[in-house]
Amino acid sequence: MAAPKLSKCLEPNSIIPTDITFIFQSGGPRRTEIKKVKAQKVILAIASDVFEKEFYGDMKETKDEIAIVDASQEVFQAMVDFIYNKQPNWKDFSVSFLCSLYYLGEKYIIGDLKAEIIATISDLKITKEKVLEIAHLAEDNSHHEPLSEALYDVAAAVLKAEFKDKVEKVYEFFDEAAFSQVNAVVLFKLMSRLRSVNTLPSQSQCRNCQHTPCLDGQDAGTPSHYQCKTRRR
Protein backbone atom coordinates (compact mmCIF):
# COMPACT_ATOMS: atom_id res chain seq x y z
CA MET A 1 0.00 0.00 0.00
CA ALA A 2 2.92 2.36 0.60
CA ALA A 3 4.42 2.10 -2.89
CA PRO A 4 1.87 4.34 -4.68
CA LYS A 5 2.57 7.08 -2.13
CA LEU A 6 6.35 6.99 -2.34
CA SER A 7 6.41 9.97 -4.70
CA LYS A 8 5.12 12.17 -1.86
CA CYS A 9 8.55 11.83 -0.23
CA LEU A 10 10.00 14.04 -2.97
CA GLU A 11 7.34 16.74 -2.86
CA PRO A 12 8.60 20.17 -1.71
CA ASN A 13 6.18 20.21 1.25
CA SER A 14 7.14 16.73 2.48
CA ILE A 15 8.22 16.61 6.13
CA ILE A 16 10.32 13.51 5.46
CA PRO A 17 13.94 14.71 5.07
CA THR A 18 16.22 13.66 2.25
CA ASP A 19 19.68 12.40 3.22
CA ILE A 20 21.54 12.24 -0.09
CA THR A 21 22.10 14.86 -2.77
CA PHE A 22 23.49 14.20 -6.23
CA ILE A 23 25.36 17.13 -7.78
CA PHE A 24 25.52 17.93 -11.50
CA GLN A 25 27.86 20.56 -12.89
CA SER A 26 27.59 21.97 -16.40
CA GLY A 27 28.87 24.95 -18.34
CA GLY A 28 32.31 26.41 -18.89
CA PRO A 29 34.90 27.70 -16.43
CA ARG A 30 33.46 31.21 -16.47
CA ARG A 31 29.85 30.19 -16.01
CA THR A 32 29.20 27.01 -14.08
CA GLU A 33 25.67 25.79 -13.43
CA ILE A 34 25.01 23.49 -10.50
CA LYS A 35 21.91 21.29 -10.42
CA LYS A 36 20.85 18.84 -7.73
CA VAL A 37 18.73 15.72 -7.24
CA LYS A 38 17.70 14.86 -3.69
CA ALA A 39 16.53 11.51 -2.38
CA GLN A 40 16.49 9.11 0.58
CA LYS A 41 19.24 6.51 0.69
CA VAL A 42 17.01 3.72 1.96
CA ILE A 43 14.53 4.11 -0.94
CA LEU A 44 17.31 4.05 -3.50
CA ALA A 45 18.91 1.05 -1.79
CA ILE A 46 15.67 -0.94 -1.91
CA ALA A 47 15.42 -0.35 -5.66
CA SER A 48 19.06 -0.93 -6.56
CA ASP A 49 21.72 -3.32 -5.28
CA VAL A 50 24.31 -0.80 -6.44
CA PHE A 51 22.87 1.92 -4.24
CA GLU A 52 22.54 -0.57 -1.38
CA LYS A 53 26.26 -1.36 -1.48
CA GLU A 54 27.15 2.30 -1.99
CA PHE A 55 25.20 3.48 1.06
CA TYR A 56 25.19 0.47 3.40
CA GLY A 57 28.00 -1.83 2.27
CA ASP A 58 31.43 -2.38 3.81
CA MET A 59 32.87 0.47 1.72
CA LYS A 60 29.83 2.71 2.07
CA GLU A 61 29.81 6.34 0.98
CA THR A 62 29.76 8.61 4.03
CA LYS A 63 29.30 11.90 2.23
CA ASP A 64 25.82 13.37 1.87
CA GLU A 65 26.65 14.82 -1.56
CA ILE A 66 27.82 12.81 -4.59
CA ALA A 67 28.96 14.29 -7.91
CA ILE A 68 27.55 12.61 -11.02
CA VAL A 69 29.57 13.09 -14.21
CA ASP A 70 28.15 10.48 -16.59
CA ALA A 71 24.52 11.62 -16.75
CA SER A 72 22.57 14.86 -16.92
CA GLN A 73 20.48 16.06 -14.00
CA GLU A 74 17.30 15.62 -16.06
CA VAL A 75 17.99 11.98 -16.91
CA PHE A 76 19.10 11.14 -13.35
CA GLN A 77 15.98 12.81 -11.96
CA ALA A 78 13.84 10.68 -14.27
CA MET A 79 15.48 7.56 -12.84
CA VAL A 80 14.88 8.72 -9.27
CA ASP A 81 11.27 9.57 -10.12
CA PHE A 82 10.81 6.05 -11.46
CA ILE A 83 12.22 4.56 -8.26
CA TYR A 84 9.78 6.69 -6.27
CA ASN A 85 6.91 5.26 -8.29
CA LYS A 86 6.11 8.39 -10.24
CA GLN A 87 4.28 7.48 -13.44
CA PRO A 88 5.97 9.22 -16.39
CA ASN A 89 4.58 9.37 -19.89
CA TRP A 90 7.55 7.72 -21.57
CA LYS A 91 6.47 8.96 -24.99
CA ASP A 92 7.14 12.53 -23.85
CA PHE A 93 10.88 11.76 -23.80
CA SER A 94 13.12 11.76 -26.84
CA VAL A 95 14.69 8.50 -27.97
CA SER A 96 18.13 9.87 -27.08
CA PHE A 97 16.87 10.65 -23.56
CA LEU A 98 15.50 7.12 -23.21
CA CYS A 99 18.86 5.70 -24.28
CA SER A 100 20.62 7.74 -21.60
CA LEU A 101 18.06 6.59 -19.06
CA TYR A 102 18.60 2.97 -20.10
CA TYR A 103 22.31 3.43 -19.40
CA LEU A 104 21.47 4.43 -15.82
CA GLY A 105 19.14 1.45 -15.50
CA GLU A 106 22.04 -0.74 -16.55
CA LYS A 107 24.55 1.00 -14.29
CA TYR A 108 22.36 0.77 -11.18
CA ILE A 109 20.83 -2.63 -12.10
CA ILE A 110 17.21 -1.48 -12.21
CA GLY A 111 15.60 -4.14 -14.38
CA ASP A 112 12.07 -2.72 -14.29
CA LEU A 113 13.30 0.60 -15.65
CA LYS A 114 15.13 -1.08 -18.52
CA ALA A 115 12.05 -3.16 -19.34
CA GLU A 116 9.83 -0.07 -19.44
CA ILE A 117 12.22 1.67 -21.82
CA ILE A 118 12.47 -1.33 -24.15
CA ALA A 119 8.67 -1.61 -24.23
CA THR A 120 8.34 2.10 -25.02
CA ILE A 121 10.92 1.95 -27.81
CA SER A 122 9.28 -1.14 -29.31
CA ASP A 123 6.04 0.87 -29.63
CA LEU A 124 7.68 3.90 -31.23
CA LYS A 125 6.01 5.40 -34.28
CA ILE A 126 8.71 6.93 -36.47
CA THR A 127 8.85 8.18 -40.04
CA LYS A 128 11.18 7.06 -42.81
CA GLU A 129 13.13 10.30 -42.35
CA LYS A 130 13.99 9.25 -38.77
CA VAL A 131 15.18 5.74 -39.66
CA LEU A 132 18.89 6.57 -39.95
CA GLU A 133 18.85 8.63 -36.76
CA ILE A 134 17.32 5.72 -34.84
CA ALA A 135 19.72 3.25 -36.47
CA HIS A 136 22.71 5.37 -35.42
CA LEU A 137 21.41 5.41 -31.85
CA ALA A 138 21.12 1.62 -32.08
CA GLU A 139 24.74 1.35 -33.19
CA ASP A 140 25.94 3.82 -30.56
CA ASN A 141 24.28 1.61 -27.92
CA SER A 142 25.45 -1.72 -29.33
CA HIS A 143 27.05 -2.47 -25.94
CA HIS A 144 23.49 -2.50 -24.53
CA GLU A 145 22.24 -5.34 -26.72
CA PRO A 146 18.51 -5.36 -25.79
CA LEU A 147 18.30 -1.60 -26.35
CA SER A 148 20.23 -1.75 -29.62
CA GLU A 149 18.10 -4.61 -30.93
CA ALA A 150 14.86 -2.79 -30.07
CA LEU A 151 16.03 0.36 -31.86
CA TYR A 152 17.16 -1.53 -34.95
CA ASP A 153 13.87 -3.46 -35.06
CA VAL A 154 11.79 -0.27 -34.96
CA ALA A 155 13.84 1.30 -37.75
CA ALA A 156 13.78 -1.86 -39.88
CA ALA A 157 10.01 -2.25 -39.44
CA VAL A 158 9.46 1.19 -40.95
CA LEU A 159 11.61 0.32 -43.96
CA LYS A 160 9.87 -3.02 -44.42
CA ALA A 161 6.50 -1.29 -44.56
CA GLU A 162 7.91 1.37 -46.89
CA PHE A 163 9.64 -1.00 -49.31
CA LYS A 164 7.25 -3.95 -49.51
CA ASP A 165 7.82 -5.34 -53.01
CA LYS A 166 8.80 -1.99 -54.49
CA VAL A 167 12.48 -2.20 -55.36
CA GLU A 168 12.47 1.43 -56.52
CA LYS A 169 11.73 2.46 -52.93
CA VAL A 170 14.90 0.66 -51.86
CA TYR A 171 16.99 2.51 -54.44
CA GLU A 172 15.41 5.80 -53.42
CA PHE A 173 16.18 5.29 -49.73
CA PHE A 174 19.83 4.45 -50.41
CA ASP A 175 20.19 7.41 -52.77
CA GLU A 176 18.96 9.76 -50.03
CA ALA A 177 21.34 8.35 -47.38
CA ALA A 178 24.63 10.23 -47.37
CA PHE A 179 27.55 7.89 -47.95
CA SER A 180 29.83 7.35 -44.97
CA GLN A 181 31.46 4.42 -43.23
CA VAL A 182 29.11 4.76 -40.25
CA ASN A 183 26.03 4.89 -42.50
CA ALA A 184 27.28 1.81 -44.33
CA VAL A 185 27.34 -0.19 -41.09
CA VAL A 186 23.85 0.76 -39.94
CA LEU A 187 22.34 0.37 -43.41
CA PHE A 188 23.77 -3.12 -43.70
CA LYS A 189 22.35 -4.08 -40.31
CA LEU A 190 18.95 -2.63 -41.21
CA MET A 191 18.79 -4.52 -44.48
CA SER A 192 19.90 -7.78 -42.83
CA ARG A 193 16.87 -7.82 -40.56
CA LEU A 194 14.15 -6.76 -43.00
CA ARG A 195 13.12 -10.35 -43.64
CA SER A 196 12.62 -11.27 -39.98
CA VAL A 197 11.26 -8.08 -38.44
CA ASN A 198 7.53 -7.50 -38.13
CA THR A 199 6.03 -4.34 -39.54
CA LEU A 200 4.73 -1.87 -37.01
CA PRO A 201 1.02 -2.06 -36.22
CA SER A 202 0.64 1.57 -37.28
CA GLN A 203 1.75 0.62 -40.78
CA SER A 204 -1.27 -1.63 -41.43
CA GLN A 205 -2.74 -1.33 -44.89
CA CYS A 206 -6.12 0.34 -45.18
CA ARG A 207 -8.73 -2.16 -46.32
CA ASN A 208 -10.52 0.43 -48.44
CA CYS A 209 -7.86 2.42 -50.31
CA GLN A 210 -5.19 -0.35 -50.00
CA HIS A 211 -2.50 2.17 -49.09
CA THR A 212 -0.13 2.51 -46.15
CA PRO A 213 -0.82 4.83 -44.50
CA CYS A 214 -4.49 5.35 -45.34
CA LEU A 215 -4.94 8.11 -47.96
CA ASP A 216 -7.64 9.70 -45.80
CA GLY A 217 -5.36 9.71 -42.78
CA GLN A 218 -7.43 7.21 -40.82
CA ASP A 219 -5.78 4.86 -38.34
CA ALA A 220 -6.07 1.36 -39.71
CA GLY A 221 -6.00 -0.07 -36.20
CA THR A 222 -9.09 1.73 -34.92
CA PRO A 223 -12.79 1.73 -35.81
CA SER A 224 -12.30 5.08 -37.61
CA HIS A 225 -10.38 3.09 -40.20
CA TYR A 226 -13.67 2.06 -41.74
CA GLN A 227 -14.51 5.71 -42.36
CA CYS A 228 -11.97 5.91 -45.18
CA LYS A 229 -13.77 7.11 -48.30
CA THR A 230 -10.93 6.55 -50.76
CA ARG A 231 -11.44 3.35 -52.72
CA ARG A 232 -8.69 1.49 -54.53
CA ARG A 233 -8.57 2.22 -58.25
C-alpha atoms as a PDB file:
ATOM      1  CA  MET A   1       0.000   0.000   0.000  1.00  0.00           C
ATOM      2  CA  ALA A   2       2.920   2.360   0.604  1.00  0.00           C
ATOM      3  CA  ALA A   3       4.421   2.098  -2.887  1.00  0.00           C
ATOM      4  CA  PRO A   4       1.868   4.337  -4.680  1.00  0.00           C
ATOM      5  CA  LYS A   5       2.567   7.080  -2.129  1.00  0.00           C
ATOM      6  CA  LEU A   6       6.351   6.994  -2.338  1.00  0.00           C
ATOM      7  CA  SER A   7       6.411   9.973  -4.696  1.00  0.00           C
ATOM      8  CA  LYS A   8       5.123  12.171  -1.859  1.00  0.00           C
ATOM      9  CA  CYS A   9       8.552  11.828  -0.228  1.00  0.00           C
ATOM     10  CA  LEU A  10      10.000  14.045  -2.970  1.00  0.00           C
ATOM     11  CA  GLU A  11       7.344  16.737  -2.861  1.00  0.00           C
ATOM     12  CA  PRO A  12       8.596  20.169  -1.707  1.00  0.00           C
ATOM     13  CA  ASN A  13       6.181  20.208   1.249  1.00  0.00           C
ATOM     14  CA  SER A  14       7.138  16.725   2.481  1.00  0.00           C
ATOM     15  CA  ILE A  15       8.224  16.614   6.134  1.00  0.00           C
ATOM     16  CA  ILE A  16      10.325  13.510   5.463  1.00  0.00           C
ATOM     17  CA  PRO A  17      13.939  14.712   5.072  1.00  0.00           C
ATOM     18  CA  THR A  18      16.219  13.656   2.254  1.00  0.00           C
ATOM     19  CA  ASP A  19      19.677  12.404   3.223  1.00  0.00           C
ATOM     20  CA  ILE A  20      21.540  12.242  -0.091  1.00  0.00           C
ATOM     21  CA  THR A  21      22.096  14.863  -2.775  1.00  0.00           C
ATOM     22  CA  PHE A  22      23.493  14.196  -6.235  1.00  0.00           C
ATOM     23  CA  ILE A  23      25.362  17.126  -7.780  1.00  0.00           C
ATOM     24  CA  PHE A  24      25.519  17.931 -11.504  1.00  0.00           C
ATOM     25  CA  GLN A  25      27.856  20.555 -12.889  1.00  0.00           C
ATOM     26  CA  SER A  26      27.595  21.969 -16.400  1.00  0.00           C
ATOM     27  CA  GLY A  27      28.867  24.952 -18.337  1.00  0.00           C
ATOM     28  CA  GLY A  28      32.311  26.410 -18.891  1.00  0.00           C
ATOM     29  CA  PRO A  29      34.903  27.701 -16.429  1.00  0.00           C
ATOM     30  CA  ARG A  30      33.459  31.213 -16.471  1.00  0.00           C
ATOM     31  CA  ARG A  31      29.849  30.192 -16.014  1.00  0.00           C
ATOM     32  CA  THR A  32      29.201  27.010 -14.082  1.00  0.00           C
ATOM     33  CA  GLU A  33      25.674  25.794 -13.432  1.00  0.00           C
ATOM     34  CA  ILE A  34      25.013  23.494 -10.495  1.00  0.00           C
ATOM     35  CA  LYS A  35      21.912  21.286 -10.420  1.00  0.00           C
ATOM     36  CA  LYS A  36      20.852  18.840  -7.727  1.00  0.00           C
ATOM     37  CA  VAL A  37      18.732  15.725  -7.237  1.00  0.00           C
ATOM     38  CA  LYS A  38      17.702  14.860  -3.686  1.00  0.00           C
ATOM     39  CA  ALA A  39      16.530  11.506  -2.385  1.00  0.00           C
ATOM     40  CA  GLN A  40      16.485   9.114   0.584  1.00  0.00           C
ATOM     41  CA  LYS A  41      19.236   6.512   0.689  1.00  0.00           C
ATOM     42  CA  VAL A  42      17.008   3.721   1.960  1.00  0.00           C
ATOM     43  CA  ILE A  43      14.530   4.107  -0.938  1.00  0.00           C
ATOM     44  CA  LEU A  44      17.310   4.049  -3.504  1.00  0.00           C
ATOM     45  CA  ALA A  45      18.912   1.048  -1.787  1.00  0.00           C
ATOM     46  CA  ILE A  46      15.674  -0.939  -1.909  1.00  0.00           C
ATOM     47  CA  ALA A  47      15.425  -0.348  -5.662  1.00  0.00           C
ATOM     48  CA  SER A  48      19.064  -0.931  -6.559  1.00  0.00           C
ATOM     49  CA  ASP A  49      21.721  -3.319  -5.282  1.00  0.00           C
ATOM     50  CA  VAL A  50      24.313  -0.805  -6.442  1.00  0.00           C
ATOM     51  CA  PHE A  51      22.873   1.925  -4.241  1.00  0.00           C
ATOM     52  CA  GLU A  52      22.541  -0.573  -1.383  1.00  0.00           C
ATOM     53  CA  LYS A  53      26.261  -1.364  -1.481  1.00  0.00           C
ATOM     54  CA  GLU A  54      27.155   2.296  -1.987  1.00  0.00           C
ATOM     55  CA  PHE A  55      25.196   3.480   1.056  1.00  0.00           C
ATOM     56  CA  TYR A  56      25.187   0.474   3.395  1.00  0.00           C
ATOM     57  CA  GLY A  57      28.004  -1.833   2.270  1.00  0.00           C
ATOM     58  CA  ASP A  58      31.427  -2.377   3.813  1.00  0.00           C
ATOM     59  CA  MET A  59      32.871   0.470   1.716  1.00  0.00           C
ATOM     60  CA  LYS A  60      29.828   2.713   2.069  1.00  0.00           C
ATOM     61  CA  GLU A  61      29.812   6.342   0.984  1.00  0.00           C
ATOM     62  CA  THR A  62      29.762   8.608   4.033  1.00  0.00           C
ATOM     63  CA  LYS A  63      29.296  11.905   2.228  1.00  0.00           C
ATOM     64  CA  ASP A  64      25.819  13.368   1.868  1.00  0.00           C
ATOM     65  CA  GLU A  65      26.648  14.819  -1.558  1.00  0.00           C
ATOM     66  CA  ILE A  66      27.817  12.812  -4.589  1.00  0.00           C
ATOM     67  CA  ALA A  67      28.960  14.289  -7.909  1.00  0.00           C
ATOM     68  CA  ILE A  68      27.547  12.609 -11.024  1.00  0.00           C
ATOM     69  CA  VAL A  69      29.567  13.089 -14.212  1.00  0.00           C
ATOM     70  CA  ASP A  70      28.153  10.476 -16.586  1.00  0.00           C
ATOM     71  CA  ALA A  71      24.516  11.624 -16.751  1.00  0.00           C
ATOM     72  CA  SER A  72      22.571  14.858 -16.920  1.00  0.00           C
ATOM     73  CA  GLN A  73      20.480  16.065 -14.000  1.00  0.00           C
ATOM     74  CA  GLU A  74      17.305  15.620 -16.059  1.00  0.00           C
ATOM     75  CA  VAL A  75      17.991  11.976 -16.909  1.00  0.00           C
ATOM     76  CA  PHE A  76      19.101  11.138 -13.350  1.00  0.00           C
ATOM     77  CA  GLN A  77      15.982  12.814 -11.960  1.00  0.00           C
ATOM     78  CA  ALA A  78      13.842  10.676 -14.274  1.00  0.00           C
ATOM     79  CA  MET A  79      15.481   7.555 -12.839  1.00  0.00           C
ATOM     80  CA  VAL A  80      14.882   8.716  -9.271  1.00  0.00           C
ATOM     81  CA  ASP A  81      11.269   9.574 -10.120  1.00  0.00           C
ATOM     82  CA  PHE A  82      10.809   6.053 -11.464  1.00  0.00           C
ATOM     83  CA  ILE A  83      12.222   4.564  -8.255  1.00  0.00           C
ATOM     84  CA  TYR A  84       9.776   6.691  -6.268  1.00  0.00           C
ATOM     85  CA  ASN A  85       6.913   5.264  -8.288  1.00  0.00           C
ATOM     86  CA  LYS A  86       6.108   8.390 -10.244  1.00  0.00           C
ATOM     87  CA  GLN A  87       4.280   7.477 -13.444  1.00  0.00           C
ATOM     88  CA  PRO A  88       5.969   9.224 -16.391  1.00  0.00           C
ATOM     89  CA  ASN A  89       4.577   9.365 -19.888  1.00  0.00           C
ATOM     90  CA  TRP A  90       7.553   7.716 -21.571  1.00  0.00           C
ATOM     91  CA  LYS A  91       6.472   8.962 -24.986  1.00  0.00           C
ATOM     92  CA  ASP A  92       7.143  12.530 -23.852  1.00  0.00           C
ATOM     93  CA  PHE A  93      10.877  11.759 -23.799  1.00  0.00           C
ATOM     94  CA  SER A  94      13.123  11.762 -26.839  1.00  0.00           C
ATOM     95  CA  VAL A  95      14.695   8.499 -27.967  1.00  0.00           C
ATOM     96  CA  SER A  96      18.127   9.868 -27.078  1.00  0.00           C
ATOM     97  CA  PHE A  97      16.868  10.655 -23.564  1.00  0.00           C
ATOM     98  CA  LEU A  98      15.503   7.124 -23.208  1.00  0.00           C
ATOM     99  CA  CYS A  99      18.861   5.697 -24.278  1.00  0.00           C
ATOM    100  CA  SER A 100      20.621   7.744 -21.602  1.00  0.00           C
ATOM    101  CA  LEU A 101      18.057   6.588 -19.062  1.00  0.00           C
ATOM    102  CA  TYR A 102      18.596   2.968 -20.104  1.00  0.00           C
ATOM    103  CA  TYR A 103      22.311   3.430 -19.399  1.00  0.00           C
ATOM    104  CA  LEU A 104      21.465   4.425 -15.818  1.00  0.00           C
ATOM    105  CA  GLY A 105      19.136   1.450 -15.502  1.00  0.00           C
ATOM    106  CA  GLU A 106      22.036  -0.743 -16.548  1.00  0.00           C
ATOM    107  CA  LYS A 107      24.546   0.999 -14.286  1.00  0.00           C
ATOM    108  CA  TYR A 108      22.363   0.771 -11.183  1.00  0.00           C
ATOM    109  CA  ILE A 109      20.833  -2.626 -12.104  1.00  0.00           C
ATOM    110  CA  ILE A 110      17.212  -1.484 -12.212  1.00  0.00           C
ATOM    111  CA  GLY A 111      15.597  -4.142 -14.379  1.00  0.00           C
ATOM    112  CA  ASP A 112      12.072  -2.719 -14.294  1.00  0.00           C
ATOM    113  CA  LEU A 113      13.295   0.597 -15.648  1.00  0.00           C
ATOM    114  CA  LYS A 114      15.126  -1.078 -18.521  1.00  0.00           C
ATOM    115  CA  ALA A 115      12.053  -3.164 -19.344  1.00  0.00           C
ATOM    116  CA  GLU A 116       9.832  -0.067 -19.441  1.00  0.00           C
ATOM    117  CA  ILE A 117      12.225   1.673 -21.817  1.00  0.00           C
ATOM    118  CA  ILE A 118      12.468  -1.332 -24.153  1.00  0.00           C
ATOM    119  CA  ALA A 119       8.671  -1.611 -24.230  1.00  0.00           C
ATOM    120  CA  THR A 120       8.344   2.100 -25.024  1.00  0.00           C
ATOM    121  CA  ILE A 121      10.918   1.954 -27.814  1.00  0.00           C
ATOM    122  CA  SER A 122       9.277  -1.142 -29.307  1.00  0.00           C
ATOM    123  CA  ASP A 123       6.043   0.866 -29.634  1.00  0.00           C
ATOM    124  CA  LEU A 124       7.684   3.903 -31.229  1.00  0.00           C
ATOM    125  CA  LYS A 125       6.012   5.399 -34.285  1.00  0.00           C
ATOM    126  CA  ILE A 126       8.708   6.928 -36.467  1.00  0.00           C
ATOM    127  CA  THR A 127       8.852   8.179 -40.042  1.00  0.00           C
ATOM    128  CA  LYS A 128      11.176   7.057 -42.813  1.00  0.00           C
ATOM    129  CA  GLU A 129      13.125  10.296 -42.350  1.00  0.00           C
ATOM    130  CA  LYS A 130      13.993   9.247 -38.773  1.00  0.00           C
ATOM    131  CA  VAL A 131      15.181   5.744 -39.658  1.00  0.00           C
ATOM    132  CA  LEU A 132      18.889   6.569 -39.950  1.00  0.00           C
ATOM    133  CA  GLU A 133      18.847   8.632 -36.759  1.00  0.00           C
ATOM    134  CA  ILE A 134      17.325   5.723 -34.837  1.00  0.00           C
ATOM    135  CA  ALA A 135      19.719   3.252 -36.469  1.00  0.00           C
ATOM    136  CA  HIS A 136      22.706   5.367 -35.423  1.00  0.00           C
ATOM    137  CA  LEU A 137      21.408   5.406 -31.845  1.00  0.00           C
ATOM    138  CA  ALA A 138      21.120   1.618 -32.079  1.00  0.00           C
ATOM    139  CA  GLU A 139      24.738   1.354 -33.194  1.00  0.00           C
ATOM    140  CA  ASP A 140      25.940   3.822 -30.556  1.00  0.00           C
ATOM    141  CA  ASN A 141      24.284   1.612 -27.925  1.00  0.00           C
ATOM    142  CA  SER A 142      25.454  -1.716 -29.331  1.00  0.00           C
ATOM    143  CA  HIS A 143      27.047  -2.467 -25.938  1.00  0.00           C
ATOM    144  CA  HIS A 144      23.493  -2.495 -24.534  1.00  0.00           C
ATOM    145  CA  GLU A 145      22.241  -5.337 -26.717  1.00  0.00           C
ATOM    146  CA  PRO A 146      18.509  -5.359 -25.787  1.00  0.00           C
ATOM    147  CA  LEU A 147      18.298  -1.600 -26.351  1.00  0.00           C
ATOM    148  CA  SER A 148      20.227  -1.748 -29.624  1.00  0.00           C
ATOM    149  CA  GLU A 149      18.099  -4.605 -30.934  1.00  0.00           C
ATOM    150  CA  ALA A 150      14.860  -2.790 -30.075  1.00  0.00           C
ATOM    151  CA  LEU A 151      16.028   0.363 -31.864  1.00  0.00           C
ATOM    152  CA  TYR A 152      17.158  -1.531 -34.950  1.00  0.00           C
ATOM    153  CA  ASP A 153      13.870  -3.457 -35.060  1.00  0.00           C
ATOM    154  CA  VAL A 154      11.789  -0.269 -34.964  1.00  0.00           C
ATOM    155  CA  ALA A 155      13.837   1.300 -37.752  1.00  0.00           C
ATOM    156  CA  ALA A 156      13.784  -1.861 -39.877  1.00  0.00           C
ATOM    157  CA  ALA A 157      10.011  -2.254 -39.444  1.00  0.00           C
ATOM    158  CA  VAL A 158       9.461   1.191 -40.950  1.00  0.00           C
ATOM    159  CA  LEU A 159      11.609   0.321 -43.963  1.00  0.00           C
ATOM    160  CA  LYS A 160       9.874  -3.022 -44.425  1.00  0.00           C
ATOM    161  CA  ALA A 161       6.498  -1.289 -44.561  1.00  0.00           C
ATOM    162  CA  GLU A 162       7.907   1.366 -46.887  1.00  0.00           C
ATOM    163  CA  PHE A 163       9.644  -1.002 -49.305  1.00  0.00           C
ATOM    164  CA  LYS A 164       7.249  -3.948 -49.513  1.00  0.00           C
ATOM    165  CA  ASP A 165       7.819  -5.342 -53.005  1.00  0.00           C
ATOM    166  CA  LYS A 166       8.799  -1.992 -54.493  1.00  0.00           C
ATOM    167  CA  VAL A 167      12.480  -2.198 -55.361  1.00  0.00           C
ATOM    168  CA  GLU A 168      12.469   1.432 -56.523  1.00  0.00           C
ATOM    169  CA  LYS A 169      11.735   2.455 -52.929  1.00  0.00           C
ATOM    170  CA  VAL A 170      14.902   0.658 -51.855  1.00  0.00           C
ATOM    171  CA  TYR A 171      16.989   2.510 -54.438  1.00  0.00           C
ATOM    172  CA  GLU A 172      15.408   5.802 -53.419  1.00  0.00           C
ATOM    173  CA  PHE A 173      16.184   5.291 -49.733  1.00  0.00           C
ATOM    174  CA  PHE A 174      19.830   4.449 -50.410  1.00  0.00           C
ATOM    175  CA  ASP A 175      20.189   7.413 -52.773  1.00  0.00           C
ATOM    176  CA  GLU A 176      18.960   9.759 -50.030  1.00  0.00           C
ATOM    177  CA  ALA A 177      21.335   8.355 -47.385  1.00  0.00           C
ATOM    178  CA  ALA A 178      24.630  10.228 -47.369  1.00  0.00           C
ATOM    179  CA  PHE A 179      27.553   7.886 -47.949  1.00  0.00           C
ATOM    180  CA  SER A 180      29.828   7.348 -44.972  1.00  0.00           C
ATOM    181  CA  GLN A 181      31.461   4.418 -43.232  1.00  0.00           C
ATOM    182  CA  VAL A 182      29.107   4.755 -40.255  1.00  0.00           C
ATOM    183  CA  ASN A 183      26.031   4.894 -42.497  1.00  0.00           C
ATOM    184  CA  ALA A 184      27.275   1.812 -44.332  1.00  0.00           C
ATOM    185  CA  VAL A 185      27.340  -0.185 -41.087  1.00  0.00           C
ATOM    186  CA  VAL A 186      23.846   0.763 -39.940  1.00  0.00           C
ATOM    187  CA  LEU A 187      22.336   0.366 -43.413  1.00  0.00           C
ATOM    188  CA  PHE A 188      23.775  -3.121 -43.698  1.00  0.00           C
ATOM    189  CA  LYS A 189      22.354  -4.075 -40.308  1.00  0.00           C
ATOM    190  CA  LEU A 190      18.953  -2.628 -41.211  1.00  0.00           C
ATOM    191  CA  MET A 191      18.792  -4.522 -44.475  1.00  0.00           C
ATOM    192  CA  SER A 192      19.901  -7.779 -42.827  1.00  0.00           C
ATOM    193  CA  ARG A 193      16.867  -7.815 -40.557  1.00  0.00           C
ATOM    194  CA  LEU A 194      14.150  -6.756 -42.996  1.00  0.00           C
ATOM    195  CA  ARG A 195      13.119 -10.351 -43.641  1.00  0.00           C
ATOM    196  CA  SER A 196      12.623 -11.268 -39.984  1.00  0.00           C
ATOM    197  CA  VAL A 197      11.256  -8.078 -38.442  1.00  0.00           C
ATOM    198  CA  ASN A 198       7.529  -7.499 -38.126  1.00  0.00           C
ATOM    199  CA  THR A 199       6.030  -4.335 -39.538  1.00  0.00           C
ATOM    200  CA  LEU A 200       4.725  -1.865 -37.010  1.00  0.00           C
ATOM    201  CA  PRO A 201       1.017  -2.056 -36.222  1.00  0.00           C
ATOM    202  CA  SER A 202       0.641   1.567 -37.278  1.00  0.00           C
ATOM    203  CA  GLN A 203       1.752   0.617 -40.780  1.00  0.00           C
ATOM    204  CA  SER A 204      -1.270  -1.632 -41.429  1.00  0.00           C
ATOM    205  CA  GLN A 205      -2.737  -1.331 -44.887  1.00  0.00           C
ATOM    206  CA  CYS A 206      -6.123   0.345 -45.183  1.00  0.00           C
ATOM    207  CA  ARG A 207      -8.735  -2.159 -46.325  1.00  0.00           C
ATOM    208  CA  ASN A 208     -10.521   0.430 -48.444  1.00  0.00           C
ATOM    209  CA  CYS A 209      -7.856   2.417 -50.313  1.00  0.00           C
ATOM    210  CA  GLN A 210      -5.194  -0.347 -50.000  1.00  0.00           C
ATOM    211  CA  HIS A 211      -2.504   2.170 -49.087  1.00  0.00           C
ATOM    212  CA  THR A 212      -0.129   2.511 -46.147  1.00  0.00           C
ATOM    213  CA  PRO A 213      -0.822   4.828 -44.497  1.00  0.00           C
ATOM    214  CA  CYS A 214      -4.488   5.351 -45.345  1.00  0.00           C
ATOM    215  CA  LEU A 215      -4.943   8.105 -47.963  1.00  0.00           C
ATOM    216  CA  ASP A 216      -7.640   9.702 -45.805  1.00  0.00           C
ATOM    217  CA  GLY A 217      -5.360   9.706 -42.780  1.00  0.00           C
ATOM    218  CA  GLN A 218      -7.431   7.208 -40.824  1.00  0.00           C
ATOM    219  CA  ASP A 219      -5.781   4.862 -38.343  1.00  0.00           C
ATOM    220  CA  ALA A 220      -6.072   1.358 -39.713  1.00  0.00           C
ATOM    221  CA  GLY A 221      -6.003  -0.066 -36.205  1.00  0.00           C
ATOM    222  CA  THR A 222      -9.089   1.732 -34.924  1.00  0.00           C
ATOM    223  CA  PRO A 223     -12.794   1.727 -35.807  1.00  0.00           C
ATOM    224  CA  SER A 224     -12.302   5.082 -37.605  1.00  0.00           C
ATOM    225  CA  HIS A 225     -10.382   3.087 -40.202  1.00  0.00           C
ATOM    226  CA  TYR A 226     -13.673   2.057 -41.738  1.00  0.00           C
ATOM    227  CA  GLN A 227     -14.509   5.712 -42.364  1.00  0.00           C
ATOM    228  CA  CYS A 228     -11.969   5.906 -45.176  1.00  0.00           C
ATOM    229  CA  LYS A 229     -13.773   7.113 -48.303  1.00  0.00           C
ATOM    230  CA  THR A 230     -10.934   6.547 -50.755  1.00  0.00           C
ATOM    231  CA  ARG A 231     -11.445   3.346 -52.717  1.00  0.00           C
ATOM    232  CA  ARG A 232      -8.686   1.486 -54.529  1.00  0.00           C
ATOM    233  CA  ARG A 233      -8.565   2.221 -58.246  1.00  0.00           C
END
